[in-house]
Amino acid sequence: MSVHAAATEFAPGLWVRGIAPPLALADFRVIAFDMDSTLIDIECIDEIAAAAGRGREVAAITEAAMRGELADFKASLRARLALLEGVPEAVLAEVYEQRLHLNPGVERFVAACRDAGLATLLVSGGFSFFAERVQARLGLDHARSNVLEIIGGRMTGRTIDQPWGDIVDGAAKRQALLEICAQTRTEPARAIAVGDGANDLPMMAAAGLSIAYHPKPAVQAQARVSILAGGMDRALDVFDAGALRTIPSAV
C-alpha cells in the first residue's frame, strides 16, 4: 500500500489511489474485514462502557487509539478493559440487541464478495461475543477477535489467551490475513483488507487492495480506496459493473 501516490476523487465521496478502475472482483481470492465502525456502526467497548455508566473515559481512549495517537493498541485496550471490571455479562446482550447495527451497504458488498468466490474473514480488536454473531449474520467464513474473561456473570477487565495471543492488535490482524491467504494458497496481492482505524493499517499494507470505510485521517492517507460518503457497497463502483449485474442495489 503506497503512501506516496496522490488520491483522486473517482466519484463523489469515493477516492482512489494507485489503482485504475474498473478492477475485477473475481481477481481477488480473500477479503478481511475489521468489525467495529466498519462492518457495524458502533465501537462495542464504548457501548459496553456507556451502558455501565463509564462511557466518556473509555470512548476517549478508543478515539485516540483509532486515530493512531496511541502507539500501543494492546496497552490502550487493557486500560479500557480495566474500567469494565465488574460490569454484568448481561450488558453484552443489551448492546448487541439494542445498539449494534450493520453499516449501510455491508450486506450487499459481502454478498458480492461471496458470489465472486472470495474467502471472507472478520478480524477484530473487539470481542468474540459480537464477532461470532456478526460472522453468522453475514455468513463469513472465518472470525478472529478477543475473548472477554467473565467470572460469576461479571467481566473481570481481562481477556482470555487464545492460540494467536491475548489481544488482537494490528500485527495480529495482519497475521490473520496472511494465514487465510496461506490456507487458500492465495498471494497477499490477491487479498483485500477493509478497515477504518490505525490498527487496521498493518493488514491493509499486506493486502493487494485496501479499502477504508469512513476512515480516520491516517488510514485515508494510505488506502487504495476511501469511502467518505455512502455505504460500504460504494466499493463496488471500482469493480467491473458487468460482473455485478446480478447483485441487487441497496434500497
Protein backbone atom coordinates (compact mmCIF):
# COMPACT_ATOMS: atom_id res chain seq x y z
CA MET A 1 0.00 0.00 0.00
CA SER A 2 1.77 3.11 -1.23
CA VAL A 3 1.70 6.24 0.88
CA HIS A 4 3.12 8.33 -1.97
CA ALA A 5 0.57 8.23 -4.80
CA ALA A 6 -1.92 11.10 -4.78
CA ALA A 7 -5.58 10.22 -4.31
CA THR A 8 -8.21 11.29 -6.83
CA GLU A 9 -11.97 11.53 -6.43
CA PHE A 10 -13.26 8.75 -8.67
CA ALA A 11 -16.88 9.55 -7.81
CA PRO A 12 -18.44 11.86 -5.23
CA GLY A 13 -17.18 10.74 -1.84
CA LEU A 14 -15.15 7.86 -3.32
CA TRP A 15 -11.40 8.33 -3.60
CA VAL A 16 -8.83 6.05 -5.21
CA ARG A 17 -5.06 5.94 -5.05
CA GLY A 18 -2.65 3.98 -7.23
CA ILE A 19 -5.30 1.89 -8.99
CA ALA A 20 -7.05 2.18 -12.35
CA PRO A 21 -10.72 1.13 -12.09
CA PRO A 22 -12.55 -0.92 -13.08
CA LEU A 23 -10.96 -3.84 -11.26
CA ALA A 24 -12.27 -7.41 -11.42
CA LEU A 25 -13.56 -8.56 -8.05
CA ALA A 26 -13.02 -12.19 -9.07
CA ASP A 27 -9.28 -11.48 -9.44
CA PHE A 28 -9.17 -11.39 -5.63
CA ARG A 29 -9.46 -14.52 -3.51
CA VAL A 30 -9.54 -13.32 0.13
CA ILE A 31 -11.10 -10.36 1.92
CA ALA A 32 -10.59 -9.38 5.56
CA PHE A 33 -12.94 -7.01 7.39
CA ASP A 34 -12.49 -5.04 10.56
CA MET A 35 -15.69 -5.09 12.62
CA ASP A 36 -16.22 -2.04 14.86
CA SER A 37 -17.11 1.09 12.86
CA THR A 38 -16.54 -0.93 9.67
CA LEU A 39 -18.99 -3.83 9.42
CA ILE A 40 -21.02 -2.40 12.30
CA ASP A 41 -21.89 1.16 13.27
CA ILE A 42 -20.53 1.19 16.84
CA GLU A 43 -17.37 0.63 18.85
CA CYS A 44 -18.60 -2.18 21.09
CA ILE A 45 -16.32 -1.41 24.01
CA ASP A 46 -17.58 2.18 24.08
CA GLU A 47 -21.18 0.98 24.15
CA ILE A 48 -20.48 -1.52 26.93
CA ALA A 49 -18.87 1.26 28.94
CA ALA A 50 -21.74 3.65 28.23
CA ALA A 51 -24.30 1.10 29.38
CA ALA A 52 -22.29 0.72 32.59
CA GLY A 53 -22.02 4.48 33.13
CA ARG A 54 -18.31 4.61 32.24
CA GLY A 55 -18.56 5.73 28.65
CA ARG A 56 -16.74 9.05 28.44
CA GLU A 57 -13.32 7.89 29.62
CA VAL A 58 -13.37 4.68 27.56
CA ALA A 59 -14.56 6.45 24.40
CA ALA A 60 -11.75 8.99 24.67
CA ILE A 61 -9.13 6.22 24.73
CA THR A 62 -10.82 4.42 21.82
CA GLU A 63 -10.84 7.55 19.67
CA ALA A 64 -7.15 8.24 20.33
CA ALA A 65 -6.24 4.62 19.53
CA MET A 66 -8.19 4.58 16.26
CA ARG A 67 -6.63 7.85 15.17
CA GLY A 68 -3.17 6.35 15.74
CA GLU A 69 -2.34 8.70 18.60
CA LEU A 70 -1.61 5.77 20.95
CA ALA A 71 1.27 3.65 19.68
CA ASP A 72 0.44 0.56 21.78
CA PHE A 73 -3.04 -0.77 20.93
CA LYS A 74 -2.72 -3.61 23.44
CA ALA A 75 -1.98 -1.21 26.28
CA SER A 76 -4.87 1.03 25.28
CA LEU A 77 -7.28 -1.92 25.19
CA ARG A 78 -6.09 -3.19 28.57
CA ALA A 79 -6.63 0.29 30.01
CA ARG A 80 -10.19 0.36 28.68
CA LEU A 81 -10.94 -3.19 29.79
CA ALA A 82 -9.77 -2.41 33.32
CA LEU A 83 -12.52 0.20 33.53
CA LEU A 84 -15.09 -2.52 32.77
CA GLU A 85 -14.21 -4.74 35.70
CA GLY A 86 -17.40 -5.83 37.45
CA VAL A 87 -19.76 -4.94 34.58
CA PRO A 88 -22.51 -7.61 34.31
CA GLU A 89 -22.28 -10.04 31.40
CA ALA A 90 -25.90 -9.21 30.52
CA VAL A 91 -24.72 -5.83 29.21
CA LEU A 92 -23.19 -7.61 26.19
CA ALA A 93 -26.56 -8.89 25.02
CA GLU A 94 -28.11 -5.48 25.68
CA VAL A 95 -25.52 -3.80 23.45
CA TYR A 96 -25.93 -6.37 20.68
CA GLU A 97 -29.71 -6.30 20.68
CA GLN A 98 -30.30 -2.58 21.21
CA ARG A 99 -27.28 -0.66 19.91
CA LEU A 100 -25.49 -2.69 17.23
CA HIS A 101 -26.46 -2.34 13.56
CA LEU A 102 -24.74 -3.30 10.34
CA ASN A 103 -23.39 -0.34 8.44
CA PRO A 104 -25.21 0.63 5.22
CA GLY A 105 -24.22 -1.41 2.18
CA VAL A 106 -22.36 -4.08 4.17
CA GLU A 107 -24.71 -6.94 3.29
CA ARG A 108 -24.62 -6.09 -0.41
CA PHE A 109 -20.85 -5.80 -0.52
CA VAL A 110 -20.29 -9.02 1.44
CA ALA A 111 -22.76 -10.84 -0.83
CA ALA A 112 -20.84 -9.63 -3.89
CA CYS A 113 -17.58 -10.89 -2.41
CA ARG A 114 -19.09 -14.28 -1.58
CA ASP A 115 -20.63 -14.57 -5.07
CA ALA A 116 -17.24 -13.78 -6.59
CA GLY A 117 -15.72 -16.68 -4.64
CA LEU A 118 -13.67 -14.76 -2.09
CA ALA A 119 -12.88 -16.31 1.29
CA THR A 120 -14.20 -13.92 3.96
CA LEU A 121 -12.59 -13.07 7.29
CA LEU A 122 -13.74 -10.89 10.17
CA VAL A 123 -10.72 -9.88 12.25
CA SER A 124 -11.33 -7.55 15.14
CA GLY A 125 -9.72 -5.92 18.13
CA GLY A 126 -13.21 -6.17 19.60
CA PHE A 127 -14.88 -9.10 21.28
CA SER A 128 -15.97 -12.60 20.28
CA PHE A 129 -19.47 -12.15 21.75
CA PHE A 130 -20.18 -9.69 18.95
CA ALA A 131 -17.82 -11.04 16.28
CA GLU A 132 -19.37 -14.51 16.31
CA ARG A 133 -22.86 -13.08 15.92
CA VAL A 134 -21.84 -10.72 13.12
CA GLN A 135 -20.00 -13.58 11.41
CA ALA A 136 -23.12 -15.73 11.50
CA ARG A 137 -25.36 -12.87 10.39
CA LEU A 138 -23.22 -12.14 7.32
CA GLY A 139 -22.20 -15.73 6.55
CA LEU A 140 -18.48 -15.01 6.84
CA ASP A 141 -16.07 -17.92 6.62
CA HIS A 142 -13.71 -17.03 9.48
CA ALA A 143 -13.59 -14.76 12.54
CA ARG A 144 -10.86 -13.83 14.99
CA SER A 145 -11.29 -11.49 17.94
CA ASN A 146 -10.66 -11.07 21.65
CA VAL A 147 -12.39 -13.27 24.23
CA LEU A 148 -13.57 -11.49 27.36
CA GLU A 149 -12.93 -13.19 30.69
CA ILE A 150 -16.19 -13.46 32.62
CA ILE A 151 -16.37 -14.96 36.10
CA GLY A 152 -19.53 -15.19 38.15
CA GLY A 153 -21.52 -13.37 35.47
CA ARG A 154 -19.28 -10.29 35.51
CA MET A 155 -16.41 -9.04 33.41
CA THR A 156 -13.01 -9.23 35.05
CA GLY A 157 -11.48 -6.48 32.93
CA ARG A 158 -9.23 -9.00 31.18
CA THR A 159 -9.21 -11.18 28.06
CA ILE A 160 -8.56 -14.92 27.79
CA ASP A 161 -5.42 -16.01 25.94
CA GLN A 162 -6.01 -17.62 22.54
CA PRO A 163 -3.63 -19.52 20.22
CA TRP A 164 -2.81 -16.25 18.46
CA GLY A 165 -2.18 -14.36 21.72
CA ASP A 166 -4.10 -12.44 24.34
CA ILE A 167 -5.18 -9.42 22.26
CA VAL A 168 -5.84 -8.95 18.54
CA ASP A 169 -3.86 -5.83 17.62
CA GLY A 170 -2.66 -4.55 14.25
CA ALA A 171 0.08 -7.15 13.97
CA ALA A 172 -2.37 -9.95 14.79
CA LYS A 173 -4.81 -8.67 12.16
CA ARG A 174 -2.06 -8.78 9.55
CA GLN A 175 -1.09 -12.28 10.64
CA ALA A 176 -4.70 -13.49 10.44
CA LEU A 177 -4.99 -12.19 6.87
CA LEU A 178 -1.74 -13.88 5.87
CA GLU A 179 -2.83 -17.16 7.48
CA ILE A 180 -6.07 -17.22 5.47
CA CYS A 181 -4.05 -16.42 2.35
CA ALA A 182 -1.76 -19.37 3.11
CA GLN A 183 -4.70 -21.70 3.79
CA THR A 184 -6.31 -20.77 0.47
CA ARG A 185 -2.99 -20.70 -1.42
CA THR A 186 -3.56 -17.05 -2.24
CA GLU A 187 -0.85 -14.48 -2.81
CA PRO A 188 -1.43 -11.48 -0.50
CA ALA A 189 -1.52 -9.33 -3.64
CA ARG A 190 -4.88 -11.00 -4.37
CA ALA A 191 -6.30 -10.13 -0.94
CA ILE A 192 -8.45 -7.17 0.12
CA ALA A 193 -8.43 -5.58 3.57
CA VAL A 194 -11.24 -3.31 4.77
CA GLY A 195 -10.97 -1.10 7.84
CA ASP A 196 -11.20 2.36 9.34
CA GLY A 197 -8.70 2.74 12.17
CA ALA A 198 -4.95 2.82 12.75
CA ASN A 199 -4.84 -0.78 13.97
CA ASP A 200 -6.09 -1.85 10.52
CA LEU A 201 -3.08 -0.38 8.72
CA PRO A 202 -0.81 -3.46 9.04
CA MET A 203 -3.30 -5.78 7.34
CA MET A 204 -4.16 -3.11 4.79
CA ALA A 205 -0.47 -2.77 3.94
CA ALA A 206 -0.16 -6.55 3.47
CA ALA A 207 -3.14 -6.79 1.09
CA GLY A 208 -3.09 -6.03 -2.60
CA LEU A 209 -6.13 -3.76 -2.23
CA SER A 210 -7.04 -1.70 0.83
CA ILE A 211 -10.49 -0.19 1.33
CA ALA A 212 -11.04 2.44 4.01
CA TYR A 213 -14.63 2.91 5.16
CA HIS A 214 -15.29 6.38 6.64
CA PRO A 215 -11.71 6.21 7.90
CA LYS A 216 -9.57 8.10 10.36
CA PRO A 217 -7.18 10.52 8.60
CA ALA A 218 -4.13 8.27 8.95
CA VAL A 219 -5.99 5.45 7.18
CA GLN A 220 -7.44 7.63 4.44
CA ALA A 221 -3.92 8.89 3.72
CA GLN A 222 -2.77 5.38 2.78
CA ALA A 223 -5.75 3.40 1.49
CA ARG A 224 -6.15 2.48 -2.17
CA VAL A 225 -9.91 3.13 -1.93
CA SER A 226 -11.52 5.50 0.58
CA ILE A 227 -15.28 5.63 1.05
CA LEU A 228 -16.07 9.01 2.57
CA ALA A 229 -19.77 9.17 1.69
CA GLY A 230 -22.43 6.47 1.44
CA GLY A 231 -22.41 2.81 2.37
CA MET A 232 -19.79 0.10 2.04
CA ASP A 233 -21.28 -1.04 -1.25
CA ARG A 234 -19.79 2.13 -2.76
CA ALA A 235 -16.66 -0.01 -3.06
CA LEU A 236 -18.39 -1.93 -5.86
CA ASP A 237 -18.12 1.20 -8.01
CA VAL A 238 -14.42 0.49 -8.56
CA PHE A 239 -15.12 -3.03 -9.86
CA ASP A 240 -16.30 -4.21 -13.28
CA ALA A 241 -20.03 -3.47 -13.40
CA GLY A 242 -20.63 -6.33 -15.84
CA ALA A 243 -19.70 -8.89 -13.22
CA LEU A 244 -22.04 -7.31 -10.66
CA ARG A 245 -25.30 -7.13 -12.59
CA THR A 246 -26.94 -9.85 -10.51
CA ILE A 247 -26.19 -8.09 -7.19
CA PRO A 248 -29.30 -6.11 -6.10
CA SER A 249 -28.79 -2.46 -5.37
CA ALA A 250 -29.44 -1.15 -1.88
CA VAL A 251 -32.92 0.26 -1.41
